Amino acid sequence: MIRRQQFARRVAGAALVGAAAFAVATPAACAPAKLPAHGVPGTKYERTFIAVKPDGVQRGLVGNIIARFEAKGYKLVALKMVWPTKEMASKHYADLSSKPFFNGLTDFFSSGPIVAMVWEGDNAILGGRKMLGTTNPRDSEPGSIRGDLCVITGRNIIHGSDGPDSAEHEINMWFKPSEVNDHALAEAAWVYED
């Protein structure tokens, strides 16, 4: 009986030490100060909006795309699946409203669910665009998402912000500030020097 009590005390003591260590090392304790939803352009807290379009969702490419961004070292800070209305698609692509392909683009973008994401990291906007490849997959380099996974422009599976202004607009359009998470990753020290 005495051995059981001693064992119970040791386990309880170890649990308290473990709980204290957990409390000190939780992601909340390591998280950066609250950032604006669109991040801080030009820093390792730069954020970009990436959307897997209906064709990418239907082809089951969401996991492949997420894996590529994670492997690059970018941090996922927001994610959701949503079926855009025609109005949402028109608002999203408002800068292209004078183009002859606008109606077809917004019809397609609202034809099924998309996976909307916010990624954070150094050079996330331009680096993310480079990962996507050119709008026309035929001109995209092998190794890029479109170069590897797409054939034609009308089914190029993914959208990415093209600058800080569009990133801010798109992130704020698709996500409430409470849906964008500030958190630290243990691997950040293996991605960044400081």
N, C-alpha and C. Protein backbone atom coordinates (compact mmCIF):
# COMPACT_ATOMS: atom_id res chain seq x y z
N MET A 1 0.82 -1.20 0.00
CA MET A 1 0.00 0.00 0.00
C MET A 1 0.86 1.27 0.00
N ILE A 2 1.96 1.23 0.76
CA ILE A 2 2.83 2.40 0.81
C ILE A 2 3.44 2.67 -0.56
N ARG A 3 3.84 1.61 -1.25
CA ARG A 3 4.42 1.79 -2.59
C ARG A 3 3.41 2.43 -3.54
N ARG A 4 2.17 2.05 -3.45
CA ARG A 4 1.14 2.64 -4.31
C ARG A 4 0.99 4.13 -4.02
N GLN A 5 1.01 4.51 -2.74
CA GLN A 5 0.89 5.91 -2.37
C GLN A 5 2.10 6.71 -2.88
N GLN A 6 3.29 6.13 -2.75
CA GLN A 6 4.49 6.81 -3.25
C GLN A 6 4.41 6.98 -4.77
N PHE A 7 3.97 5.92 -5.43
CA PHE A 7 3.83 5.98 -6.88
C PHE A 7 2.81 7.06 -7.28
N ALA A 8 1.69 7.09 -6.56
CA ALA A 8 0.65 8.08 -6.85
C ALA A 8 1.18 9.50 -6.66
N ARG A 9 1.99 9.72 -5.60
CA ARG A 9 2.57 11.05 -5.37
C ARG A 9 3.53 11.43 -6.51
N ARG A 10 4.34 10.47 -6.95
CA ARG A 10 5.28 10.74 -8.04
C ARG A 10 4.53 11.09 -9.33
N VAL A 11 3.49 10.32 -9.61
CA VAL A 11 2.69 10.59 -10.81
C VAL A 11 2.05 11.97 -10.72
N ALA A 12 1.49 12.28 -9.56
CA ALA A 12 0.86 13.58 -9.37
C ALA A 12 1.88 14.70 -9.51
N GLY A 13 3.06 14.51 -8.93
CA GLY A 13 4.13 15.51 -9.05
C GLY A 13 4.57 15.69 -10.49
N ALA A 14 4.72 14.59 -11.19
CA ALA A 14 5.11 14.66 -12.60
C ALA A 14 4.02 15.35 -13.42
N ALA A 15 2.77 15.08 -13.09
CA ALA A 15 1.67 15.72 -13.80
C ALA A 15 1.69 17.23 -13.59
N LEU A 16 1.97 17.67 -12.36
CA LEU A 16 2.04 19.10 -12.08
C LEU A 16 3.19 19.75 -12.84
N VAL A 17 4.34 19.10 -12.86
CA VAL A 17 5.48 19.63 -13.60
C VAL A 17 5.14 19.69 -15.09
N GLY A 18 4.53 18.62 -15.60
CA GLY A 18 4.14 18.59 -17.01
C GLY A 18 3.13 19.67 -17.32
N ALA A 19 2.16 19.87 -16.44
CA ALA A 19 1.15 20.90 -16.66
C ALA A 19 1.79 22.28 -16.66
N ALA A 20 2.74 22.52 -15.76
CA ALA A 20 3.42 23.81 -15.73
C ALA A 20 4.21 24.03 -17.01
N ALA A 21 4.90 23.00 -17.46
CA ALA A 21 5.66 23.12 -18.71
C ALA A 21 4.72 23.38 -19.88
N PHE A 22 3.58 22.70 -19.88
CA PHE A 22 2.61 22.91 -20.96
C PHE A 22 2.09 24.33 -20.94
N ALA A 23 1.80 24.86 -19.76
CA ALA A 23 1.27 26.21 -19.65
C ALA A 23 2.27 27.23 -20.17
N VAL A 24 3.56 26.99 -19.95
CA VAL A 24 4.58 27.91 -20.40
C VAL A 24 4.80 27.80 -21.91
N ALA A 25 4.67 26.59 -22.46
CA ALA A 25 5.03 26.36 -23.85
C ALA A 25 3.84 26.28 -24.81
N THR A 26 2.66 26.63 -24.37
CA THR A 26 1.52 26.56 -25.27
C THR A 26 1.67 27.57 -26.39
N PRO A 27 1.08 27.30 -27.54
CA PRO A 27 1.16 28.25 -28.64
C PRO A 27 0.67 29.64 -28.26
N ALA A 28 -0.35 29.72 -27.41
CA ALA A 28 -0.86 31.03 -27.01
C ALA A 28 0.23 31.84 -26.31
N ALA A 29 1.07 31.17 -25.53
CA ALA A 29 2.14 31.87 -24.83
C ALA A 29 3.22 32.34 -25.79
N CYS A 30 3.35 31.69 -26.93
CA CYS A 30 4.40 32.01 -27.90
C CYS A 30 3.90 32.85 -29.07
N ALA A 31 2.61 33.09 -29.14
CA ALA A 31 2.02 33.76 -30.31
C ALA A 31 2.46 35.22 -30.38
N PRO A 32 2.60 35.76 -31.60
CA PRO A 32 2.93 37.18 -31.74
C PRO A 32 1.73 38.02 -31.32
N ALA A 33 1.97 39.31 -31.13
CA ALA A 33 0.87 40.21 -30.81
C ALA A 33 -0.15 40.16 -31.94
N LYS A 34 -1.39 40.49 -31.63
CA LYS A 34 -2.46 40.45 -32.63
C LYS A 34 -2.11 41.34 -33.82
N LEU A 35 -2.14 40.73 -34.99
CA LEU A 35 -1.84 41.43 -36.23
C LEU A 35 -3.13 41.81 -36.94
N PRO A 36 -3.08 42.81 -37.84
CA PRO A 36 -4.26 43.03 -38.67
C PRO A 36 -4.50 41.79 -39.52
N ALA A 37 -5.74 41.54 -39.89
CA ALA A 37 -6.08 40.32 -40.64
C ALA A 37 -5.23 40.16 -41.88
N HIS A 38 -4.87 41.26 -42.54
CA HIS A 38 -4.08 41.18 -43.77
C HIS A 38 -2.58 41.14 -43.51
N GLY A 39 -2.17 41.10 -42.24
CA GLY A 39 -0.76 40.96 -41.91
C GLY A 39 0.02 42.25 -42.06
N VAL A 40 1.34 42.11 -42.17
CA VAL A 40 2.24 43.26 -42.30
C VAL A 40 3.10 43.05 -43.54
N PRO A 41 2.73 43.68 -44.67
CA PRO A 41 3.50 43.48 -45.90
C PRO A 41 4.98 43.81 -45.72
N GLY A 42 5.83 43.04 -46.38
CA GLY A 42 7.26 43.27 -46.33
C GLY A 42 7.96 42.67 -45.12
N THR A 43 7.23 41.88 -44.33
CA THR A 43 7.82 41.24 -43.15
C THR A 43 7.51 39.74 -43.20
N LYS A 44 8.01 39.01 -42.21
CA LYS A 44 7.67 37.59 -42.15
C LYS A 44 6.22 37.38 -41.73
N TYR A 45 5.52 38.48 -41.44
CA TYR A 45 4.09 38.42 -41.11
C TYR A 45 3.23 38.86 -42.29
N GLU A 46 3.81 38.92 -43.49
CA GLU A 46 3.04 39.25 -44.69
C GLU A 46 2.03 38.14 -44.93
N ARG A 47 0.83 38.52 -45.33
CA ARG A 47 -0.24 37.54 -45.58
C ARG A 47 -0.79 37.68 -46.99
N THR A 48 -1.22 36.54 -47.52
CA THR A 48 -1.82 36.51 -48.85
C THR A 48 -3.07 35.65 -48.83
N PHE A 49 -3.97 35.97 -49.73
CA PHE A 49 -5.19 35.17 -49.90
C PHE A 49 -4.98 34.20 -51.04
N ILE A 50 -5.28 32.94 -50.79
CA ILE A 50 -5.21 31.89 -51.80
C ILE A 50 -6.56 31.18 -51.81
N ALA A 51 -7.11 30.94 -52.99
CA ALA A 51 -8.36 30.19 -53.10
C ALA A 51 -8.19 29.05 -54.09
N VAL A 52 -8.54 27.86 -53.66
CA VAL A 52 -8.63 26.73 -54.59
C VAL A 52 -10.00 26.85 -55.24
N LYS A 53 -10.02 27.01 -56.55
CA LYS A 53 -11.26 27.22 -57.29
C LYS A 53 -12.08 25.93 -57.39
N PRO A 54 -13.33 26.03 -57.86
CA PRO A 54 -14.18 24.83 -57.92
C PRO A 54 -13.56 23.65 -58.66
N ASP A 55 -12.78 23.90 -59.72
CA ASP A 55 -12.17 22.78 -60.44
C ASP A 55 -11.10 22.08 -59.59
N GLY A 56 -10.35 22.84 -58.81
CA GLY A 56 -9.35 22.25 -57.92
C GLY A 56 -9.98 21.45 -56.80
N VAL A 57 -11.11 21.95 -56.28
CA VAL A 57 -11.84 21.22 -55.24
C VAL A 57 -12.37 19.91 -55.81
N GLN A 58 -13.03 19.99 -56.98
CA GLN A 58 -13.63 18.80 -57.58
C GLN A 58 -12.58 17.76 -57.97
N ARG A 59 -11.40 18.20 -58.31
CA ARG A 59 -10.33 17.27 -58.69
C ARG A 59 -9.57 16.72 -57.48
N GLY A 60 -9.94 17.15 -56.28
CA GLY A 60 -9.29 16.64 -55.07
C GLY A 60 -7.86 17.12 -54.88
N LEU A 61 -7.58 18.37 -55.27
CA LEU A 61 -6.22 18.89 -55.21
C LEU A 61 -5.94 19.78 -54.00
N VAL A 62 -6.92 19.94 -53.12
CA VAL A 62 -6.76 20.84 -51.97
C VAL A 62 -5.58 20.41 -51.10
N GLY A 63 -5.50 19.14 -50.76
CA GLY A 63 -4.41 18.65 -49.91
C GLY A 63 -3.05 18.85 -50.54
N ASN A 64 -2.94 18.60 -51.83
CA ASN A 64 -1.68 18.79 -52.56
C ASN A 64 -1.25 20.25 -52.48
N ILE A 65 -2.19 21.15 -52.68
CA ILE A 65 -1.88 22.58 -52.67
C ILE A 65 -1.48 23.03 -51.27
N ILE A 66 -2.21 22.62 -50.26
CA ILE A 66 -1.85 22.97 -48.88
C ILE A 66 -0.46 22.43 -48.56
N ALA A 67 -0.18 21.20 -48.95
CA ALA A 67 1.13 20.60 -48.67
C ALA A 67 2.26 21.41 -49.31
N ARG A 68 2.04 21.94 -50.50
CA ARG A 68 3.08 22.73 -51.17
C ARG A 68 3.37 24.02 -50.40
N PHE A 69 2.32 24.70 -49.92
CA PHE A 69 2.54 25.93 -49.16
C PHE A 69 3.20 25.64 -47.82
N GLU A 70 2.80 24.56 -47.17
CA GLU A 70 3.44 24.20 -45.90
C GLU A 70 4.91 23.81 -46.12
N ALA A 71 5.18 23.06 -47.17
CA ALA A 71 6.56 22.64 -47.45
C ALA A 71 7.45 23.85 -47.76
N LYS A 72 6.89 24.88 -48.34
CA LYS A 72 7.64 26.11 -48.62
C LYS A 72 8.04 26.80 -47.32
N GLY A 73 7.25 26.62 -46.27
CA GLY A 73 7.52 27.28 -44.99
C GLY A 73 6.51 28.34 -44.62
N TYR A 74 5.45 28.48 -45.43
CA TYR A 74 4.40 29.43 -45.09
C TYR A 74 3.49 28.84 -44.03
N LYS A 75 2.85 29.72 -43.27
CA LYS A 75 1.99 29.30 -42.17
C LYS A 75 0.53 29.57 -42.53
N LEU A 76 -0.31 28.56 -42.40
CA LEU A 76 -1.74 28.69 -42.64
C LEU A 76 -2.38 29.36 -41.43
N VAL A 77 -3.03 30.51 -41.65
CA VAL A 77 -3.65 31.23 -40.54
C VAL A 77 -5.17 31.33 -40.66
N ALA A 78 -5.72 30.92 -41.80
CA ALA A 78 -7.19 30.89 -41.96
C ALA A 78 -7.53 29.92 -43.10
N LEU A 79 -8.66 29.23 -42.92
CA LEU A 79 -9.08 28.22 -43.90
C LEU A 79 -10.57 27.99 -43.77
N LYS A 80 -11.28 27.98 -44.90
CA LYS A 80 -12.68 27.57 -44.88
C LYS A 80 -13.13 27.22 -46.29
N MET A 81 -14.16 26.38 -46.35
CA MET A 81 -14.78 26.06 -47.63
C MET A 81 -16.08 26.86 -47.72
N VAL A 82 -16.28 27.48 -48.86
CA VAL A 82 -17.47 28.31 -49.06
C VAL A 82 -17.90 28.20 -50.52
N TRP A 83 -19.20 28.24 -50.74
CA TRP A 83 -19.74 28.24 -52.10
C TRP A 83 -20.10 29.69 -52.42
N PRO A 84 -19.29 30.38 -53.22
CA PRO A 84 -19.54 31.80 -53.48
C PRO A 84 -20.81 32.02 -54.29
N THR A 85 -21.51 33.09 -53.98
CA THR A 85 -22.62 33.52 -54.82
C THR A 85 -22.04 34.26 -56.02
N LYS A 86 -22.86 34.50 -57.02
CA LYS A 86 -22.42 35.28 -58.19
C LYS A 86 -21.98 36.68 -57.74
N GLU A 87 -22.70 37.24 -56.77
CA GLU A 87 -22.36 38.58 -56.26
C GLU A 87 -21.00 38.57 -55.57
N MET A 88 -20.73 37.53 -54.78
CA MET A 88 -19.42 37.43 -54.12
C MET A 88 -18.31 37.30 -55.15
N ALA A 89 -18.54 36.48 -56.17
CA ALA A 89 -17.54 36.30 -57.23
C ALA A 89 -17.30 37.62 -57.97
N SER A 90 -18.37 38.36 -58.23
CA SER A 90 -18.24 39.65 -58.92
C SER A 90 -17.47 40.65 -58.07
N LYS A 91 -17.73 40.66 -56.78
CA LYS A 91 -17.00 41.55 -55.87
C LYS A 91 -15.53 41.14 -55.80
N HIS A 92 -15.29 39.84 -55.75
CA HIS A 92 -13.91 39.34 -55.66
C HIS A 92 -13.10 39.75 -56.89
N TYR A 93 -13.69 39.63 -58.06
CA TYR A 93 -13.00 39.93 -59.32
C TYR A 93 -13.40 41.30 -59.88
N ALA A 94 -13.79 42.24 -59.02
CA ALA A 94 -14.26 43.55 -59.47
C ALA A 94 -13.24 44.26 -60.36
N ASP A 95 -11.96 44.05 -60.13
CA ASP A 95 -10.93 44.71 -60.94
C ASP A 95 -10.92 44.22 -62.39
N LEU A 96 -11.58 43.11 -62.66
CA LEU A 96 -11.64 42.55 -64.02
C LEU A 96 -13.00 42.77 -64.68
N SER A 97 -13.86 43.61 -64.07
CA SER A 97 -15.24 43.75 -64.55
C SER A 97 -15.35 44.28 -65.98
N SER A 98 -14.35 44.97 -66.48
CA SER A 98 -14.41 45.49 -67.85
C SER A 98 -13.91 44.49 -68.89
N LYS A 99 -13.41 43.36 -68.45
CA LYS A 99 -12.86 42.35 -69.37
C LYS A 99 -13.98 41.53 -70.00
N PRO A 100 -13.80 41.09 -71.25
CA PRO A 100 -14.85 40.32 -71.93
C PRO A 100 -15.11 38.95 -71.28
N PHE A 101 -14.18 38.43 -70.53
CA PHE A 101 -14.35 37.12 -69.91
C PHE A 101 -14.92 37.19 -68.49
N PHE A 102 -15.26 38.41 -68.03
CA PHE A 102 -15.69 38.60 -66.64
C PHE A 102 -16.90 37.73 -66.27
N ASN A 103 -17.95 37.73 -67.09
CA ASN A 103 -19.15 36.95 -66.75
C ASN A 103 -18.85 35.45 -66.68
N GLY A 104 -18.08 34.96 -67.61
CA GLY A 104 -17.70 33.54 -67.58
C GLY A 104 -16.87 33.20 -66.35
N LEU A 105 -15.96 34.12 -65.99
CA LEU A 105 -15.11 33.91 -64.82
C LEU A 105 -15.94 33.87 -63.54
N THR A 106 -16.85 34.82 -63.38
CA THR A 106 -17.65 34.85 -62.17
C THR A 106 -18.67 33.71 -62.13
N ASP A 107 -19.19 33.31 -63.29
CA ASP A 107 -20.07 32.13 -63.34
C ASP A 107 -19.31 30.90 -62.86
N PHE A 108 -18.10 30.73 -63.37
CA PHE A 108 -17.32 29.56 -62.99
C PHE A 108 -16.93 29.60 -61.51
N PHE A 109 -16.47 30.77 -61.03
CA PHE A 109 -16.03 30.89 -59.64
C PHE A 109 -17.17 30.62 -58.66
N SER A 110 -18.39 30.86 -59.10
CA SER A 110 -19.55 30.62 -58.23
C SER A 110 -20.26 29.30 -58.56
N SER A 111 -19.63 28.43 -59.34
CA SER A 111 -20.26 27.17 -59.78
C SER A 111 -20.12 26.03 -58.78
N GLY A 112 -19.36 26.23 -57.73
CA GLY A 112 -19.15 25.17 -56.73
C GLY A 112 -18.35 25.72 -55.57
N PRO A 113 -18.11 24.89 -54.57
CA PRO A 113 -17.36 25.37 -53.42
C PRO A 113 -15.91 25.66 -53.76
N ILE A 114 -15.36 26.65 -53.05
CA ILE A 114 -13.94 26.97 -53.12
C ILE A 114 -13.35 26.74 -51.73
N VAL A 115 -12.06 26.62 -51.65
CA VAL A 115 -11.38 26.58 -50.36
C VAL A 115 -10.58 27.87 -50.25
N ALA A 116 -11.01 28.73 -49.34
CA ALA A 116 -10.38 30.03 -49.12
C ALA A 116 -9.36 29.90 -48.00
N MET A 117 -8.18 30.47 -48.21
CA MET A 117 -7.10 30.35 -47.23
C MET A 117 -6.34 31.67 -47.10
N VAL A 118 -5.75 31.86 -45.94
CA VAL A 118 -4.80 32.95 -45.73
C VAL A 118 -3.50 32.31 -45.28
N TRP A 119 -2.43 32.65 -45.99
CA TRP A 119 -1.09 32.13 -45.69
C TRP A 119 -0.20 33.29 -45.26
N GLU A 120 0.69 33.02 -44.31
CA GLU A 120 1.57 34.04 -43.76
C GLU A 120 3.02 33.62 -43.91
N GLY A 121 3.87 34.59 -44.22
CA GLY A 121 5.31 34.34 -44.28
C GLY A 121 6.02 35.42 -45.06
N ASP A 122 7.34 35.39 -45.00
CA ASP A 122 8.16 36.34 -45.73
C ASP A 122 7.89 36.22 -47.23
N ASN A 123 7.55 37.33 -47.87
CA ASN A 123 7.29 37.36 -49.31
C ASN A 123 6.12 36.46 -49.70
N ALA A 124 5.13 36.33 -48.82
CA ALA A 124 4.01 35.42 -49.07
C ALA A 124 3.21 35.79 -50.31
N ILE A 125 3.09 37.07 -50.61
CA ILE A 125 2.27 37.48 -51.75
C ILE A 125 2.96 37.11 -53.07
N LEU A 126 4.14 37.64 -53.30
CA LEU A 126 4.83 37.35 -54.56
C LEU A 126 5.35 35.91 -54.60
N GLY A 127 5.80 35.41 -53.46
CA GLY A 127 6.24 34.01 -53.41
C GLY A 127 5.09 33.06 -53.69
N GLY A 128 3.92 33.39 -53.14
CA GLY A 128 2.73 32.58 -53.41
C GLY A 128 2.35 32.61 -54.88
N ARG A 129 2.43 33.80 -55.49
CA ARG A 129 2.11 33.91 -56.93
C ARG A 129 3.09 33.08 -57.77
N LYS A 130 4.34 33.10 -57.38
CA LYS A 130 5.33 32.32 -58.12
C LYS A 130 5.03 30.82 -57.99
N MET A 131 4.60 30.40 -56.80
CA MET A 131 4.23 28.99 -56.61
C MET A 131 3.05 28.61 -57.49
N LEU A 132 2.10 29.54 -57.68
CA LEU A 132 0.93 29.26 -58.51
C LEU A 132 1.32 29.05 -59.97
N GLY A 133 2.25 29.84 -60.47
CA GLY A 133 2.57 29.84 -61.89
C GLY A 133 1.77 30.91 -62.59
N THR A 134 1.96 31.04 -63.89
CA THR A 134 1.25 32.08 -64.65
C THR A 134 -0.22 31.71 -64.82
N THR A 135 -1.04 32.72 -65.12
CA THR A 135 -2.47 32.49 -65.30
C THR A 135 -2.74 31.42 -66.35
N ASN A 136 -1.97 31.46 -67.44
CA ASN A 136 -2.10 30.45 -68.48
C ASN A 136 -1.17 29.28 -68.15
N PRO A 137 -1.73 28.13 -67.79
CA PRO A 137 -0.90 26.99 -67.40
C PRO A 137 0.12 26.57 -68.46
N ARG A 138 -0.17 26.84 -69.73
CA ARG A 138 0.77 26.48 -70.81
C ARG A 138 2.09 27.23 -70.68
N ASP A 139 2.04 28.42 -70.05
CA ASP A 139 3.24 29.23 -69.87
C ASP A 139 3.88 29.03 -68.49
N SER A 140 3.26 28.22 -67.65
CA SER A 140 3.77 28.01 -66.29
C SER A 140 4.92 27.02 -66.28
N GLU A 141 5.87 27.30 -65.41
CA GLU A 141 7.04 26.43 -65.27
C GLU A 141 6.65 25.11 -64.61
N PRO A 142 7.29 24.02 -65.02
CA PRO A 142 7.12 22.76 -64.26
C PRO A 142 7.58 23.00 -62.82
N GLY A 143 6.88 22.42 -61.89
CA GLY A 143 7.15 22.65 -60.48
C GLY A 143 6.18 23.63 -59.86
N SER A 144 5.58 24.51 -60.68
CA SER A 144 4.54 25.40 -60.17
C SER A 144 3.23 24.61 -60.10
N ILE A 145 2.29 25.12 -59.32
CA ILE A 145 1.01 24.43 -59.18
C ILE A 145 0.31 24.30 -60.53
N ARG A 146 0.20 25.41 -61.25
CA ARG A 146 -0.47 25.36 -62.55
C ARG A 146 0.37 24.61 -63.59
N GLY A 147 1.68 24.73 -63.51
CA GLY A 147 2.54 24.02 -64.44
C GLY A 147 2.44 22.51 -64.29
N ASP A 148 2.21 22.06 -63.06
CA ASP A 148 2.12 20.62 -62.79
C ASP A 148 0.70 20.07 -62.91
N LEU A 149 -0.31 20.90 -62.61
CA LEU A 149 -1.65 20.35 -62.41
C LEU A 149 -2.73 20.87 -63.37
N CYS A 150 -2.40 21.80 -64.26
CA CYS A 150 -3.42 22.41 -65.12
C CYS A 150 -3.05 22.33 -66.59
N VAL A 151 -4.07 22.46 -67.43
CA VAL A 151 -3.87 22.40 -68.88
C VAL A 151 -4.29 23.71 -69.55
N ILE A 152 -5.45 24.27 -69.16
CA ILE A 152 -5.97 25.47 -69.84
C ILE A 152 -6.28 26.58 -68.84
N THR A 153 -6.31 27.82 -69.34
CA THR A 153 -6.54 29.00 -68.51
C THR A 153 -7.88 28.96 -67.81
N GLY A 154 -8.92 28.53 -68.49
CA GLY A 154 -10.26 28.52 -67.91
C GLY A 154 -10.44 27.54 -66.77
N ARG A 155 -9.48 26.65 -66.59
CA ARG A 155 -9.52 25.69 -65.48
C ARG A 155 -8.13 25.67 -64.84
N ASN A 156 -7.75 26.82 -64.26
CA ASN A 156 -6.40 26.92 -63.70
C ASN A 156 -6.36 26.75 -62.18
N ILE A 157 -7.37 26.20 -61.59
CA ILE A 157 -7.56 25.65 -60.24
C ILE A 157 -7.30 26.54 -59.04
N ILE A 158 -6.64 27.68 -59.20
CA ILE A 158 -6.24 28.42 -58.01
C ILE A 158 -6.18 29.92 -58.27
N HIS A 159 -6.43 30.70 -57.23
CA HIS A 159 -6.32 32.15 -57.28
C HIS A 159 -5.39 32.59 -56.16
N GLY A 160 -4.59 33.61 -56.42
CA GLY A 160 -3.75 34.19 -55.38
C GLY A 160 -3.69 35.70 -55.50
N SER A 161 -3.62 36.38 -54.38
CA SER A 161 -3.50 37.84 -54.38
C SER A 161 -2.26 38.26 -55.17
N ASP A 162 -2.38 39.40 -55.89
CA ASP A 162 -1.24 39.84 -56.70
C ASP A 162 -0.49 41.02 -56.11
N GLY A 163 -0.88 41.49 -54.95
CA GLY A 163 -0.19 42.59 -54.29
C GLY A 163 -0.78 42.85 -52.92
N PRO A 164 -0.14 43.72 -52.13
CA PRO A 164 -0.64 44.00 -50.78
C PRO A 164 -2.08 44.53 -50.75
N ASP A 165 -2.44 45.38 -51.71
CA ASP A 165 -3.80 45.93 -51.72
C ASP A 165 -4.84 44.85 -51.99
N SER A 166 -4.57 43.99 -52.99
CA SER A 166 -5.53 42.92 -53.28
C SER A 166 -5.56 41.90 -52.15
N ALA A 167 -4.42 41.65 -51.51
CA ALA A 167 -4.40 40.72 -50.37
C ALA A 167 -5.29 41.25 -49.25
N GLU A 168 -5.15 42.53 -48.94
CA GLU A 168 -5.97 43.13 -47.88
C GLU A 168 -7.45 43.05 -48.25
N HIS A 169 -7.79 43.44 -49.48
CA HIS A 169 -9.19 43.41 -49.93
C HIS A 169 -9.76 41.99 -49.86
N GLU A 170 -9.02 41.02 -50.39
CA GLU A 170 -9.53 39.65 -50.47
C GLU A 170 -9.62 38.99 -49.10
N ILE A 171 -8.62 39.19 -48.26
CA ILE A 171 -8.68 38.61 -46.91
C ILE A 171 -9.86 39.18 -46.16
N ASN A 172 -10.03 40.51 -46.22
CA ASN A 172 -11.14 41.14 -45.50
C ASN A 172 -12.50 40.79 -46.09
N MET A 173 -12.53 40.46 -47.37
CA MET A 173 -13.79 40.07 -48.01
C MET A 173 -14.22 38.67 -47.57
N TRP A 174 -13.28 37.75 -47.52
CA TRP A 174 -13.62 36.34 -47.28
C TRP A 174 -13.55 35.92 -45.81
N PHE A 175 -12.86 36.70 -44.98
CA PHE A 175 -12.69 36.31 -43.58
C PHE A 175 -12.99 37.46 -42.65
N LYS A 176 -13.68 37.15 -41.54
CA LYS A 176 -13.82 38.10 -40.45
C LYS A 176 -12.48 38.12 -39.71
N PRO A 177 -12.12 39.23 -39.06
CA PRO A 177 -10.86 39.26 -38.31
C PRO A 177 -10.74 38.11 -37.30
N SER A 178 -11.85 37.72 -36.70
CA SER A 178 -11.82 36.64 -35.71
C SER A 178 -11.53 35.27 -36.33
N GLU A 179 -11.63 35.16 -37.65
CA GLU A 179 -11.37 33.89 -38.33
C GLU A 179 -9.91 33.73 -38.77
N VAL A 180 -9.13 34.80 -38.62
CA VAL A 180 -7.71 34.76 -38.97
C VAL A 180 -6.93 34.61 -37.68
N ASN A 181 -6.15 33.55 -37.59
CA ASN A 181 -5.50 33.18 -36.34
C ASN A 181 -4.04 33.60 -36.29
N ASP A 182 -3.68 34.26 -35.19
CA ASP A 182 -2.28 34.55 -34.90
C ASP A 182 -1.79 33.43 -34.00
N HIS A 183 -0.82 32.71 -34.46
CA HIS A 183 -0.27 31.62 -33.64
C HIS A 183 1.17 31.38 -34.05
N ALA A 184 1.93 30.82 -33.14
CA ALA A 184 3.33 30.51 -33.43
C ALA A 184 3.45 29.04 -33.81
N LEU A 185 4.37 28.75 -34.71
CA LEU A 185 4.66 27.36 -35.07
C LEU A 185 6.02 26.99 -34.51
N ALA A 186 6.13 25.78 -34.00
CA ALA A 186 7.40 25.31 -33.45
C ALA A 186 8.48 25.31 -34.52
N GLU A 187 8.11 25.07 -35.76
CA GLU A 187 9.11 24.97 -36.82
C GLU A 187 9.59 26.32 -37.34
N ALA A 188 9.02 27.42 -36.84
CA ALA A 188 9.41 28.75 -37.34
C ALA A 188 10.91 28.98 -37.22
N ALA A 189 11.53 28.48 -36.17
CA ALA A 189 12.98 28.64 -36.00
C ALA A 189 13.76 27.91 -37.08
N TRP A 190 13.14 26.94 -37.72
CA TRP A 190 13.79 26.19 -38.79
C TRP A 190 13.54 26.81 -40.16
N VAL A 191 12.66 27.82 -40.20
CA VAL A 191 12.34 28.50 -41.45
C VAL A 191 13.01 29.88 -41.49
N TYR A 192 13.01 30.58 -40.34
CA TYR A 192 13.55 31.94 -40.25
C TYR A 192 14.75 31.98 -39.32
N GLU A 193 15.69 32.88 -39.61
CA GLU A 193 16.89 33.01 -38.78
C GLU A 193 16.62 33.77 -37.49
N ASP A 194 15.72 34.73 -37.52
CA ASP A 194 15.49 35.53 -36.32
C ASP A 194 14.17 35.23 -35.69
